[in-house]
Amino acid sequence: MQNINPESATKVVELLSAVSRGAGTVNGTAGDFKGCGDILVVLMAGTNQATGTHDVKLQDSADNSTFADITNAAFVQVTTSNDEQSFKGILRKGTYRRHVRAMSVVATAACVAGVTAVAMSPQDSALADGGSAYAFKV
């Protein structure tokens, strides 16, 4: 087994800052994942106020200007019954374009959450051939 140096093998990007958001839609900051392999994406959900719902999905772009939804790259809806926990998904190498961002939609009442992406170098990716496009809704 090859040893992996975390400093050279990963890139960590905050796609959506962890703050309380009222009802509305927010596009997070896009990360530049040129030359990266698989990306682990973590949604850290805090407390939702009563009746608050939070939907988070990932979008990508070739030019960091025009974004589109990444197929099946959405987290489960966060409500008061499943808040205060983390949700994880994986974007496989070759299934996303260079720039990736999180899009947050909060309805009814305020919700707290943040999204972080950890990209592996291509040689350290679990599936060098790309494999499955995603592993979301876990």
N, C-alpha and C. Protein backbone atom coordinates (compact mmCIF):
# COMPACT_ATOMS: atom_id res chain seq x y z
N MET A 1 0.84 -1.18 0.00
CA MET A 1 0.00 0.00 0.00
C MET A 1 0.88 1.24 0.00
N GLN A 2 0.54 2.20 -0.82
CA GLN A 2 1.29 3.44 -0.94
C GLN A 2 0.91 4.39 0.19
N ASN A 3 1.93 5.04 0.77
CA ASN A 3 1.66 6.05 1.78
C ASN A 3 1.19 7.33 1.09
N ILE A 4 0.20 7.98 1.68
CA ILE A 4 -0.34 9.22 1.12
C ILE A 4 0.02 10.36 2.04
N ASN A 5 0.63 11.39 1.48
CA ASN A 5 0.96 12.59 2.23
C ASN A 5 -0.24 13.53 2.15
N PRO A 6 -0.97 13.74 3.25
CA PRO A 6 -2.17 14.59 3.20
C PRO A 6 -1.92 16.00 2.67
N GLU A 7 -0.72 16.52 2.88
CA GLU A 7 -0.43 17.88 2.40
C GLU A 7 -0.35 17.96 0.89
N SER A 8 0.12 16.90 0.23
CA SER A 8 0.26 16.94 -1.22
C SER A 8 -0.87 16.20 -1.94
N ALA A 9 -1.61 15.38 -1.22
CA ALA A 9 -2.61 14.53 -1.87
C ALA A 9 -4.01 15.11 -1.82
N THR A 10 -4.24 16.16 -1.04
CA THR A 10 -5.61 16.67 -0.92
C THR A 10 -5.68 18.18 -1.11
N LYS A 11 -6.88 18.62 -1.43
CA LYS A 11 -7.21 20.04 -1.52
C LYS A 11 -8.49 20.21 -0.74
N VAL A 12 -8.53 21.12 0.21
CA VAL A 12 -9.72 21.34 1.03
C VAL A 12 -10.30 22.70 0.68
N VAL A 13 -11.60 22.72 0.35
CA VAL A 13 -12.26 23.96 -0.06
C VAL A 13 -13.59 24.10 0.68
N GLU A 14 -13.83 25.27 1.26
CA GLU A 14 -15.13 25.57 1.86
C GLU A 14 -16.05 26.04 0.74
N LEU A 15 -17.06 25.23 0.41
CA LEU A 15 -17.99 25.58 -0.67
C LEU A 15 -19.13 26.44 -0.19
N LEU A 16 -19.48 26.31 1.09
CA LEU A 16 -20.57 27.08 1.68
C LEU A 16 -20.24 27.31 3.14
N SER A 17 -20.09 28.57 3.54
CA SER A 17 -19.72 28.86 4.92
C SER A 17 -20.81 28.43 5.88
N ALA A 18 -20.38 28.01 7.06
CA ALA A 18 -21.31 27.51 8.08
C ALA A 18 -21.90 28.67 8.87
N VAL A 19 -23.06 29.11 8.44
CA VAL A 19 -23.78 30.20 9.12
C VAL A 19 -25.27 29.90 9.11
N SER A 20 -26.02 30.65 9.88
CA SER A 20 -27.48 30.53 9.87
C SER A 20 -28.02 31.29 8.67
N ARG A 21 -28.88 30.63 7.91
CA ARG A 21 -29.48 31.24 6.73
C ARG A 21 -30.99 31.26 6.85
N GLY A 22 -31.58 32.40 6.51
CA GLY A 22 -33.02 32.51 6.46
C GLY A 22 -33.52 31.95 5.13
N ALA A 23 -34.83 31.99 4.94
CA ALA A 23 -35.43 31.47 3.72
C ALA A 23 -34.82 32.15 2.49
N GLY A 24 -34.50 31.35 1.49
CA GLY A 24 -33.93 31.87 0.25
C GLY A 24 -32.91 30.92 -0.34
N THR A 25 -32.34 31.35 -1.46
CA THR A 25 -31.35 30.56 -2.19
C THR A 25 -30.01 31.25 -2.14
N VAL A 26 -28.96 30.47 -1.87
CA VAL A 26 -27.59 31.00 -1.82
C VAL A 26 -26.69 30.10 -2.65
N ASN A 27 -25.90 30.71 -3.53
CA ASN A 27 -24.88 29.98 -4.26
C ASN A 27 -23.57 30.15 -3.50
N GLY A 28 -22.94 29.04 -3.16
CA GLY A 28 -21.68 29.09 -2.44
C GLY A 28 -20.54 29.47 -3.35
N THR A 29 -19.35 29.55 -2.77
CA THR A 29 -18.14 29.86 -3.51
C THR A 29 -17.67 28.62 -4.25
N ALA A 30 -17.32 28.78 -5.52
CA ALA A 30 -16.86 27.64 -6.31
C ALA A 30 -15.40 27.33 -6.00
N GLY A 31 -15.11 26.04 -5.94
CA GLY A 31 -13.73 25.59 -5.80
C GLY A 31 -13.20 25.19 -7.17
N ASP A 32 -11.91 25.42 -7.39
CA ASP A 32 -11.25 25.04 -8.64
C ASP A 32 -10.61 23.67 -8.42
N PHE A 33 -11.15 22.65 -9.06
CA PHE A 33 -10.69 21.28 -8.87
C PHE A 33 -9.96 20.73 -10.08
N LYS A 34 -9.33 21.61 -10.86
CA LYS A 34 -8.56 21.18 -12.03
C LYS A 34 -7.47 20.21 -11.58
N GLY A 35 -7.40 19.07 -12.24
CA GLY A 35 -6.37 18.09 -11.96
C GLY A 35 -6.61 17.24 -10.73
N CYS A 36 -7.76 17.36 -10.12
CA CYS A 36 -8.06 16.58 -8.91
C CYS A 36 -8.71 15.25 -9.27
N GLY A 37 -8.76 14.38 -8.29
CA GLY A 37 -9.41 13.08 -8.44
C GLY A 37 -10.78 13.11 -7.80
N ASP A 38 -11.12 12.06 -7.05
CA ASP A 38 -12.41 12.00 -6.35
C ASP A 38 -12.51 13.14 -5.34
N ILE A 39 -13.74 13.61 -5.11
CA ILE A 39 -13.97 14.69 -4.13
C ILE A 39 -14.96 14.20 -3.09
N LEU A 40 -14.55 14.22 -1.84
CA LEU A 40 -15.46 13.95 -0.73
C LEU A 40 -16.11 15.27 -0.36
N VAL A 41 -17.44 15.31 -0.34
CA VAL A 41 -18.17 16.53 0.00
C VAL A 41 -18.95 16.26 1.28
N VAL A 42 -18.79 17.15 2.27
CA VAL A 42 -19.43 16.97 3.57
C VAL A 42 -20.33 18.16 3.86
N LEU A 43 -21.60 17.86 4.13
CA LEU A 43 -22.58 18.85 4.58
C LEU A 43 -22.68 18.70 6.10
N MET A 44 -22.31 19.74 6.82
CA MET A 44 -22.43 19.74 8.29
C MET A 44 -23.67 20.54 8.63
N ALA A 45 -24.72 19.84 9.04
CA ALA A 45 -26.00 20.49 9.35
C ALA A 45 -26.07 20.82 10.83
N GLY A 46 -26.40 22.06 11.11
CA GLY A 46 -26.62 22.48 12.48
C GLY A 46 -28.11 22.40 12.80
N THR A 47 -28.59 23.31 13.62
CA THR A 47 -29.98 23.28 14.06
C THR A 47 -30.89 24.01 13.07
N ASN A 48 -31.97 23.34 12.70
CA ASN A 48 -33.04 23.97 11.92
C ASN A 48 -34.08 24.51 12.89
N GLN A 49 -34.59 25.69 12.61
CA GLN A 49 -35.71 26.18 13.41
C GLN A 49 -36.95 25.40 13.02
N ALA A 50 -37.96 25.43 13.88
CA ALA A 50 -39.20 24.68 13.64
C ALA A 50 -39.72 24.95 12.23
N THR A 51 -40.07 23.92 11.52
CA THR A 51 -40.59 23.90 10.15
C THR A 51 -39.55 24.27 9.09
N GLY A 52 -38.33 24.55 9.48
CA GLY A 52 -37.30 24.89 8.50
C GLY A 52 -36.82 23.67 7.72
N THR A 53 -36.62 23.84 6.41
CA THR A 53 -36.05 22.79 5.58
C THR A 53 -34.86 23.35 4.83
N HIS A 54 -33.89 22.48 4.55
CA HIS A 54 -32.66 22.91 3.89
C HIS A 54 -32.28 21.89 2.83
N ASP A 55 -32.21 22.34 1.60
CA ASP A 55 -31.81 21.49 0.48
C ASP A 55 -30.47 21.99 -0.05
N VAL A 56 -29.52 21.08 -0.22
CA VAL A 56 -28.20 21.43 -0.74
C VAL A 56 -27.87 20.49 -1.90
N LYS A 57 -27.46 21.09 -3.02
CA LYS A 57 -27.03 20.30 -4.18
C LYS A 57 -25.73 20.90 -4.70
N LEU A 58 -25.05 20.12 -5.54
CA LEU A 58 -23.79 20.57 -6.13
C LEU A 58 -23.99 20.91 -7.59
N GLN A 59 -23.26 21.94 -8.02
CA GLN A 59 -23.29 22.38 -9.41
C GLN A 59 -21.85 22.48 -9.89
N ASP A 60 -21.67 22.37 -11.22
CA ASP A 60 -20.33 22.52 -11.77
C ASP A 60 -20.32 23.44 -12.98
N SER A 61 -19.10 23.84 -13.36
CA SER A 61 -18.93 24.78 -14.47
C SER A 61 -17.55 24.59 -15.08
N ALA A 62 -17.46 24.75 -16.38
CA ALA A 62 -16.16 24.70 -17.05
C ALA A 62 -15.45 26.05 -16.96
N ASP A 63 -16.24 27.15 -16.86
CA ASP A 63 -15.66 28.49 -16.93
C ASP A 63 -15.83 29.32 -15.65
N ASN A 64 -16.37 28.75 -14.59
CA ASN A 64 -16.63 29.43 -13.32
C ASN A 64 -17.62 30.59 -13.49
N SER A 65 -18.47 30.48 -14.50
CA SER A 65 -19.46 31.52 -14.75
C SER A 65 -20.86 30.91 -14.93
N THR A 66 -20.98 29.93 -15.80
CA THR A 66 -22.25 29.27 -16.07
C THR A 66 -22.25 27.92 -15.37
N PHE A 67 -23.14 27.77 -14.37
CA PHE A 67 -23.19 26.55 -13.58
C PHE A 67 -24.44 25.74 -13.91
N ALA A 68 -24.31 24.42 -13.76
CA ALA A 68 -25.43 23.50 -13.96
C ALA A 68 -25.39 22.46 -12.85
N ASP A 69 -26.56 21.92 -12.54
CA ASP A 69 -26.64 20.86 -11.52
C ASP A 69 -25.83 19.65 -11.96
N ILE A 70 -25.14 19.03 -11.01
CA ILE A 70 -24.47 17.76 -11.26
C ILE A 70 -25.52 16.68 -11.00
N THR A 71 -25.74 15.83 -11.97
CA THR A 71 -26.77 14.80 -11.87
C THR A 71 -26.60 13.95 -10.60
N ASN A 72 -27.67 13.84 -9.85
CA ASN A 72 -27.72 13.03 -8.63
C ASN A 72 -26.76 13.47 -7.53
N ALA A 73 -26.28 14.70 -7.58
CA ALA A 73 -25.36 15.18 -6.55
C ALA A 73 -26.09 16.13 -5.61
N ALA A 74 -27.09 15.59 -4.91
CA ALA A 74 -27.86 16.36 -3.94
C ALA A 74 -27.90 15.58 -2.63
N PHE A 75 -27.86 16.31 -1.55
CA PHE A 75 -27.97 15.69 -0.23
C PHE A 75 -29.45 15.51 0.11
N VAL A 76 -29.73 14.64 1.08
CA VAL A 76 -31.09 14.51 1.57
C VAL A 76 -31.53 15.85 2.15
N GLN A 77 -32.82 16.12 2.12
CA GLN A 77 -33.33 17.35 2.71
C GLN A 77 -33.13 17.31 4.23
N VAL A 78 -32.60 18.40 4.76
CA VAL A 78 -32.40 18.50 6.21
C VAL A 78 -33.62 19.19 6.82
N THR A 79 -34.20 18.54 7.82
CA THR A 79 -35.36 19.07 8.54
C THR A 79 -35.05 19.01 10.03
N THR A 80 -36.02 19.35 10.85
CA THR A 80 -35.80 19.26 12.31
C THR A 80 -35.66 17.81 12.76
N SER A 81 -36.09 16.85 11.96
CA SER A 81 -35.98 15.45 12.37
C SER A 81 -34.62 14.83 12.06
N ASN A 82 -33.81 15.48 11.22
CA ASN A 82 -32.49 14.92 10.91
C ASN A 82 -31.38 15.96 10.92
N ASP A 83 -31.61 17.10 11.60
CA ASP A 83 -30.57 18.13 11.66
C ASP A 83 -29.50 17.74 12.69
N GLU A 84 -28.50 18.59 12.85
CA GLU A 84 -27.40 18.41 13.80
C GLU A 84 -26.62 17.12 13.54
N GLN A 85 -26.27 16.89 12.28
CA GLN A 85 -25.42 15.76 11.90
C GLN A 85 -24.73 16.07 10.58
N SER A 86 -23.83 15.19 10.18
CA SER A 86 -23.14 15.38 8.90
C SER A 86 -23.68 14.41 7.85
N PHE A 87 -23.62 14.85 6.61
CA PHE A 87 -24.02 14.05 5.46
C PHE A 87 -22.85 14.08 4.48
N LYS A 88 -22.56 12.96 3.85
CA LYS A 88 -21.40 12.86 2.98
C LYS A 88 -21.77 12.35 1.60
N GLY A 89 -21.02 12.79 0.60
CA GLY A 89 -21.18 12.30 -0.76
C GLY A 89 -19.83 12.34 -1.46
N ILE A 90 -19.71 11.58 -2.54
CA ILE A 90 -18.46 11.54 -3.30
C ILE A 90 -18.74 11.86 -4.76
N LEU A 91 -17.96 12.79 -5.30
CA LEU A 91 -17.96 13.03 -6.74
C LEU A 91 -16.75 12.29 -7.29
N ARG A 92 -16.98 11.39 -8.23
CA ARG A 92 -15.90 10.59 -8.79
C ARG A 92 -15.12 11.38 -9.85
N LYS A 93 -13.84 11.11 -9.90
CA LYS A 93 -12.96 11.72 -10.90
C LYS A 93 -13.57 11.55 -12.29
N GLY A 94 -13.56 12.62 -13.07
CA GLY A 94 -14.06 12.56 -14.44
C GLY A 94 -15.55 12.77 -14.59
N THR A 95 -16.28 12.97 -13.47
CA THR A 95 -17.73 13.14 -13.57
C THR A 95 -18.17 14.56 -13.25
N TYR A 96 -17.22 15.45 -13.02
CA TYR A 96 -17.54 16.85 -12.73
C TYR A 96 -16.60 17.73 -13.55
N ARG A 97 -17.07 18.96 -13.82
CA ARG A 97 -16.23 19.91 -14.54
C ARG A 97 -15.34 20.66 -13.55
N ARG A 98 -14.46 21.47 -14.02
CA ARG A 98 -13.39 22.08 -13.23
C ARG A 98 -13.85 22.79 -11.96
N HIS A 99 -14.91 23.57 -12.03
CA HIS A 99 -15.36 24.37 -10.89
C HIS A 99 -16.62 23.74 -10.28
N VAL A 100 -16.62 23.57 -8.97
CA VAL A 100 -17.76 22.97 -8.27
C VAL A 100 -18.18 23.90 -7.13
N ARG A 101 -19.51 24.08 -6.98
CA ARG A 101 -20.03 24.88 -5.88
C ARG A 101 -21.25 24.20 -5.28
N ALA A 102 -21.59 24.63 -4.07
CA ALA A 102 -22.81 24.15 -3.41
C ALA A 102 -23.89 25.22 -3.58
N MET A 103 -25.12 24.77 -3.76
CA MET A 103 -26.28 25.67 -3.83
C MET A 103 -27.21 25.29 -2.69
N SER A 104 -27.58 26.28 -1.89
CA SER A 104 -28.39 26.06 -0.70
C SER A 104 -29.76 26.71 -0.87
N VAL A 105 -30.81 25.94 -0.56
CA VAL A 105 -32.17 26.48 -0.58
C VAL A 105 -32.79 26.22 0.78
N VAL A 106 -33.08 27.31 1.50
CA VAL A 106 -33.73 27.22 2.81
C VAL A 106 -35.17 27.69 2.65
N ALA A 107 -36.10 26.93 3.24
CA ALA A 107 -37.51 27.29 3.18
C ALA A 107 -38.09 27.41 4.58
N THR A 108 -39.00 28.33 4.76
CA THR A 108 -39.84 28.53 5.93
C THR A 108 -39.14 29.17 7.12
N ALA A 109 -38.07 28.56 7.63
CA ALA A 109 -37.40 29.08 8.83
C ALA A 109 -35.90 28.87 8.71
N ALA A 110 -35.14 29.61 9.50
CA ALA A 110 -33.68 29.58 9.43
C ALA A 110 -33.09 28.20 9.70
N CYS A 111 -31.97 27.93 9.01
CA CYS A 111 -31.24 26.68 9.16
C CYS A 111 -29.74 26.99 9.18
N VAL A 112 -28.98 26.20 9.91
CA VAL A 112 -27.54 26.36 9.99
C VAL A 112 -26.87 25.20 9.29
N ALA A 113 -25.91 25.49 8.39
CA ALA A 113 -25.17 24.42 7.71
C ALA A 113 -23.98 25.00 6.97
N GLY A 114 -23.01 24.14 6.71
CA GLY A 114 -21.84 24.49 5.91
C GLY A 114 -21.45 23.29 5.06
N VAL A 115 -20.74 23.54 3.95
CA VAL A 115 -20.32 22.47 3.06
C VAL A 115 -18.82 22.61 2.79
N THR A 116 -18.10 21.50 2.97
CA THR A 116 -16.66 21.46 2.71
C THR A 116 -16.37 20.33 1.73
N ALA A 117 -15.42 20.57 0.83
CA ALA A 117 -15.00 19.56 -0.14
C ALA A 117 -13.53 19.21 0.08
N VAL A 118 -13.23 17.93 0.03
CA VAL A 118 -11.86 17.45 0.16
C VAL A 118 -11.55 16.65 -1.10
N ALA A 119 -10.64 17.17 -1.92
CA ALA A 119 -10.30 16.51 -3.19
C ALA A 119 -9.01 15.72 -3.05
N MET A 120 -9.02 14.53 -3.58
CA MET A 120 -7.82 13.70 -3.61
C MET A 120 -7.07 13.95 -4.90
N SER A 121 -5.76 13.72 -4.88
CA SER A 121 -5.00 13.78 -6.11
C SER A 121 -5.46 12.63 -7.00
N PRO A 122 -5.34 12.74 -8.32
CA PRO A 122 -5.83 11.68 -9.21
C PRO A 122 -5.26 10.30 -8.90
N GLN A 123 -3.98 10.22 -8.56
CA GLN A 123 -3.37 8.92 -8.30
C GLN A 123 -3.85 8.30 -7.00
N ASP A 124 -4.43 9.11 -6.09
CA ASP A 124 -4.92 8.60 -4.82
C ASP A 124 -6.42 8.37 -4.81
N SER A 125 -7.09 8.60 -5.94
CA SER A 125 -8.53 8.41 -6.00
C SER A 125 -8.89 6.93 -5.90
N ALA A 126 -10.04 6.66 -5.32
CA ALA A 126 -10.48 5.28 -5.12
C ALA A 126 -10.67 4.54 -6.44
N LEU A 127 -11.19 5.25 -7.43
CA LEU A 127 -11.45 4.63 -8.73
C LEU A 127 -10.78 5.45 -9.82
N ALA A 128 -9.59 5.06 -10.21
CA ALA A 128 -8.84 5.81 -11.20
C ALA A 128 -9.56 5.91 -12.54
N ASP A 129 -10.46 4.96 -12.83
CA ASP A 129 -11.17 4.98 -14.11
C ASP A 129 -12.46 5.78 -14.06
N GLY A 130 -12.74 6.45 -12.96
CA GLY A 130 -13.95 7.24 -12.84
C GLY A 130 -15.04 6.50 -12.09
N GLY A 131 -15.35 5.27 -12.44
CA GLY A 131 -16.34 4.48 -11.74
C GLY A 131 -17.68 5.16 -11.64
N SER A 132 -18.37 4.92 -10.57
CA SER A 132 -19.69 5.51 -10.33
C SER A 132 -19.57 7.03 -10.22
N ALA A 133 -20.53 7.75 -10.75
CA ALA A 133 -20.47 9.19 -10.78
C ALA A 133 -20.65 9.83 -9.40
N TYR A 134 -21.32 9.16 -8.49
CA TYR A 134 -21.64 9.80 -7.22
C TYR A 134 -21.98 8.74 -6.20
N ALA A 135 -22.04 9.19 -4.99
CA ALA A 135 -22.51 8.33 -3.89
C ALA A 135 -23.21 9.24 -2.89
N PHE A 136 -24.30 9.85 -3.30
CA PHE A 136 -24.99 10.83 -2.47
C PHE A 136 -26.23 10.26 -1.82
N LYS A 137 -26.91 11.11 -1.04
CA LYS A 137 -28.14 10.76 -0.32
C LYS A 137 -27.88 9.65 0.67
N VAL A 138 -26.76 9.77 1.41
CA VAL A 138 -26.41 8.77 2.43
C VAL A 138 -26.71 9.29 3.81
